[in-house]
């Protein structure tokens, strides 16, 4: 199985990107709240949702422990795993890749989606996740730019939506040269 992991701080862009990929391969959209993980699996023709309680306080470990057994039951040839908006792929993908390598699976790519209309402001100012209504937990003081920067800097593929040359240049400056 080949797995691509998609991240974004924008819930709407996250959903639109996942929907646009649903004709190509199955999509596993992952959402989190205090009680657990919601896994929505869509093949383009069929959709199912499963709720899994958080295994423990480590969010990234809990995500892996929910996603891997879920995919083991389905064994698609390719799949896109869509992370919750505030979860950084850099904290999930390395250990996830190690865990699934033992199953003969491969993490093919890490993809980050950003909006050029907002990315410059997000990267160059301190807009908290709480101010955007994206805080995952009470007291989450991370800023949107922090999540964006990690997403851009870690990903193999960056999808920059919009038409802003200065913002695109900023994304170009922060992205890895081999992305």
Protein backbone atom coordinates (compact mmCIF):
# COMPACT_ATOMS: atom_id res chain seq x y z
CA UNK A 1 0.00 0.00 0.00
CA UNK A 2 1.15 3.52 -0.81
CA UNK A 3 0.03 6.20 1.63
CA UNK A 4 0.09 9.96 1.07
CA UNK A 5 -0.47 12.22 4.08
CA UNK A 6 -2.21 15.55 3.52
CA UNK A 7 -2.11 18.50 5.94
CA UNK A 8 -3.57 22.00 5.91
CA UNK A 9 -4.50 24.66 8.45
CA UNK A 10 -7.56 25.57 6.39
CA UNK A 11 -10.48 23.16 6.95
CA UNK A 12 -12.19 24.18 3.69
CA UNK A 13 -9.05 23.73 1.54
CA UNK A 14 -8.43 20.43 3.31
CA UNK A 15 -11.92 19.21 2.37
CA UNK A 16 -11.77 20.52 -1.21
CA UNK A 17 -8.38 18.91 -1.82
CA UNK A 18 -9.56 15.59 -0.38
CA UNK A 19 -12.70 15.72 -2.52
CA UNK A 20 -10.67 16.46 -5.65
CA UNK A 21 -8.48 13.40 -4.97
CA UNK A 22 -11.39 11.05 -4.24
CA UNK A 23 -11.72 10.05 -7.90
CA UNK A 24 -8.11 8.83 -7.91
CA UNK A 25 -7.94 6.76 -4.72
CA UNK A 26 -9.66 6.23 -1.37
CA UNK A 27 -9.48 9.08 1.15
CA UNK A 28 -9.23 8.61 4.90
CA UNK A 29 -10.18 11.88 6.61
CA UNK A 30 -9.14 12.05 10.25
CA UNK A 31 -10.79 14.39 12.76
CA UNK A 32 -10.04 14.74 16.45
CA UNK A 33 -11.78 16.03 19.52
CA UNK A 34 -11.28 15.50 23.25
CA UNK A 35 -13.15 12.19 23.19
CA UNK A 36 -11.55 10.48 20.23
CA UNK A 37 -10.75 10.10 16.57
CA UNK A 38 -13.31 10.09 13.78
CA UNK A 39 -12.18 8.24 10.67
CA UNK A 40 -14.18 8.84 7.49
CA UNK A 41 -13.26 6.52 4.63
CA UNK A 42 -14.45 7.48 1.17
CA UNK A 43 -13.91 5.55 -2.04
CA UNK A 44 -15.79 7.98 -4.27
CA UNK A 45 -18.76 5.60 -4.36
CA UNK A 46 -19.09 4.67 -0.72
CA UNK A 47 -18.38 6.41 2.57
CA UNK A 48 -18.18 5.05 6.09
CA UNK A 49 -17.38 6.66 9.42
CA UNK A 50 -15.83 5.03 12.46
CA UNK A 51 -15.24 6.56 15.88
CA UNK A 52 -12.22 5.43 17.92
CA UNK A 53 -11.53 6.60 21.49
CA UNK A 54 -8.16 8.25 22.07
CA UNK A 55 -5.74 5.52 23.12
CA UNK A 56 -3.85 7.85 25.47
CA UNK A 57 -2.72 11.45 25.89
CA UNK A 58 -0.17 11.44 23.05
CA UNK A 59 -2.21 12.66 20.10
CA UNK A 60 0.17 11.51 17.36
CA UNK A 61 0.44 8.02 18.88
CA UNK A 62 -3.34 7.86 19.24
CA UNK A 63 -3.72 8.85 15.59
CA UNK A 64 -1.38 6.08 14.43
CA UNK A 65 -3.10 3.57 16.69
CA UNK A 66 -6.45 4.47 15.12
CA UNK A 67 -5.35 4.78 11.47
CA UNK A 68 -3.21 1.66 11.06
CA UNK A 69 -5.78 -0.94 12.23
CA UNK A 70 -8.47 0.87 10.23
CA UNK A 71 -6.42 0.63 7.02
CA UNK A 72 -5.41 -2.97 7.80
CA UNK A 73 -9.10 -3.93 7.57
CA UNK A 74 -9.42 -2.34 4.11
CA UNK A 75 -5.98 -2.77 2.50
CA UNK A 76 -6.42 -0.28 -0.37
CA UNK A 77 -3.62 -0.16 -2.95
CA UNK A 78 -3.27 3.62 -2.49
CA UNK A 79 -4.81 5.95 0.07
CA UNK A 80 -4.62 9.60 1.08
CA UNK A 81 -4.74 10.17 4.84
CA UNK A 82 -6.05 13.67 5.56
CA UNK A 83 -4.84 14.93 8.94
CA UNK A 84 -6.85 17.24 11.21
CA UNK A 85 -6.08 20.93 10.50
CA UNK A 86 -3.95 21.57 13.59
CA UNK A 87 -1.90 18.38 13.45
CA UNK A 88 1.53 18.77 11.87
CA UNK A 89 2.54 16.03 9.44
CA UNK A 90 6.13 16.32 10.71
CA UNK A 91 4.97 14.96 14.08
CA UNK A 92 2.94 12.10 12.60
CA UNK A 93 4.64 10.91 9.42
CA UNK A 94 8.11 9.76 10.57
CA UNK A 95 6.87 7.28 13.18
CA UNK A 96 3.86 6.35 11.04
CA UNK A 97 6.23 5.55 8.15
CA UNK A 98 8.34 3.35 10.44
CA UNK A 99 5.25 1.55 11.77
CA UNK A 100 3.76 0.81 8.35
CA UNK A 101 7.07 -0.15 6.73
CA UNK A 102 6.92 -3.34 8.76
CA UNK A 103 3.59 -4.08 7.07
CA UNK A 104 5.09 -3.63 3.60
CA UNK A 105 3.44 -0.23 3.17
CA UNK A 106 5.14 2.94 2.00
CA UNK A 107 4.50 6.58 2.84
CA UNK A 108 4.76 7.95 -0.69
CA UNK A 109 4.47 11.66 0.11
CA UNK A 110 3.60 14.36 2.59
CA UNK A 111 1.39 17.04 1.02
CA UNK A 112 0.61 20.47 2.49
CA UNK A 113 -2.16 22.71 1.14
CA UNK A 114 -2.10 26.47 1.72
CA UNK A 115 -4.03 29.53 0.56
CA UNK A 116 -1.89 32.23 -1.05
CA UNK A 117 -4.47 34.87 -0.06
CA UNK A 118 -3.70 34.32 3.65
CA UNK A 119 -0.29 32.63 3.82
CA UNK A 120 1.85 35.79 3.99
CA UNK A 121 -0.14 37.18 6.91
CA UNK A 122 -0.08 33.79 8.64
CA UNK A 123 3.67 33.37 8.24
CA UNK A 124 4.65 36.94 9.07
CA UNK A 125 2.35 37.72 12.00
CA UNK A 126 1.28 36.00 15.19
CA UNK A 127 -2.26 34.78 14.60
CA UNK A 128 -3.06 32.09 17.15
CA UNK A 129 -5.01 28.95 16.36
CA UNK A 130 -7.47 30.06 19.01
CA UNK A 131 -8.09 33.36 17.16
CA UNK A 132 -8.93 31.34 14.04
CA UNK A 133 -11.15 28.90 15.93
CA UNK A 134 -8.69 26.08 15.24
CA UNK A 135 -7.27 25.44 18.72
CA UNK A 136 -7.24 21.74 19.42
CA UNK A 137 -7.18 22.06 23.18
CA UNK A 138 -7.77 24.77 25.77
CA UNK A 139 -4.68 26.94 26.10
CA UNK A 140 -3.35 25.95 22.65
CA UNK A 141 -1.05 28.92 22.09
CA UNK A 142 0.44 27.75 18.79
CA UNK A 143 0.12 30.18 15.92
CA UNK A 144 -1.20 29.42 12.44
CA UNK A 145 2.14 30.46 10.91
CA UNK A 146 3.98 27.88 13.01
CA UNK A 147 1.77 25.10 11.66
CA UNK A 148 2.05 26.47 8.10
CA UNK A 149 5.83 26.75 8.29
CA UNK A 150 6.23 23.18 9.52
CA UNK A 151 3.81 21.95 6.82
CA UNK A 152 5.62 23.79 4.04
CA UNK A 153 9.07 22.89 5.32
CA UNK A 154 8.33 19.20 5.80
CA UNK A 155 6.25 18.33 2.74
CA UNK A 156 7.27 16.69 -0.52
CA UNK A 157 4.40 18.39 -2.34
CA UNK A 158 3.00 21.85 -1.62
CA UNK A 159 -0.33 22.84 -3.11
CA UNK A 160 -0.53 26.64 -3.11
CA UNK A 161 -4.03 27.79 -4.05
CA UNK A 162 -4.59 31.31 -5.33
CA UNK A 163 -2.88 34.02 -7.30
CA UNK A 164 -0.48 36.13 -5.25
CA UNK A 165 3.07 36.34 -6.59
CA UNK A 166 4.57 37.73 -3.36
CA UNK A 167 2.93 35.01 -1.27
CA UNK A 168 4.04 32.34 -3.72
CA UNK A 169 7.60 33.66 -3.48
CA UNK A 170 7.38 33.39 0.31
CA UNK A 171 6.21 29.78 0.06
CA UNK A 172 9.04 29.12 -2.41
CA UNK A 173 11.52 30.54 0.10
CA UNK A 174 10.39 28.19 2.89
CA UNK A 175 9.78 25.00 0.95
CA UNK A 176 12.45 22.27 0.70
CA UNK A 177 14.39 22.51 -2.55
CA UNK A 178 13.44 18.97 -3.51
CA UNK A 179 9.70 19.44 -2.96
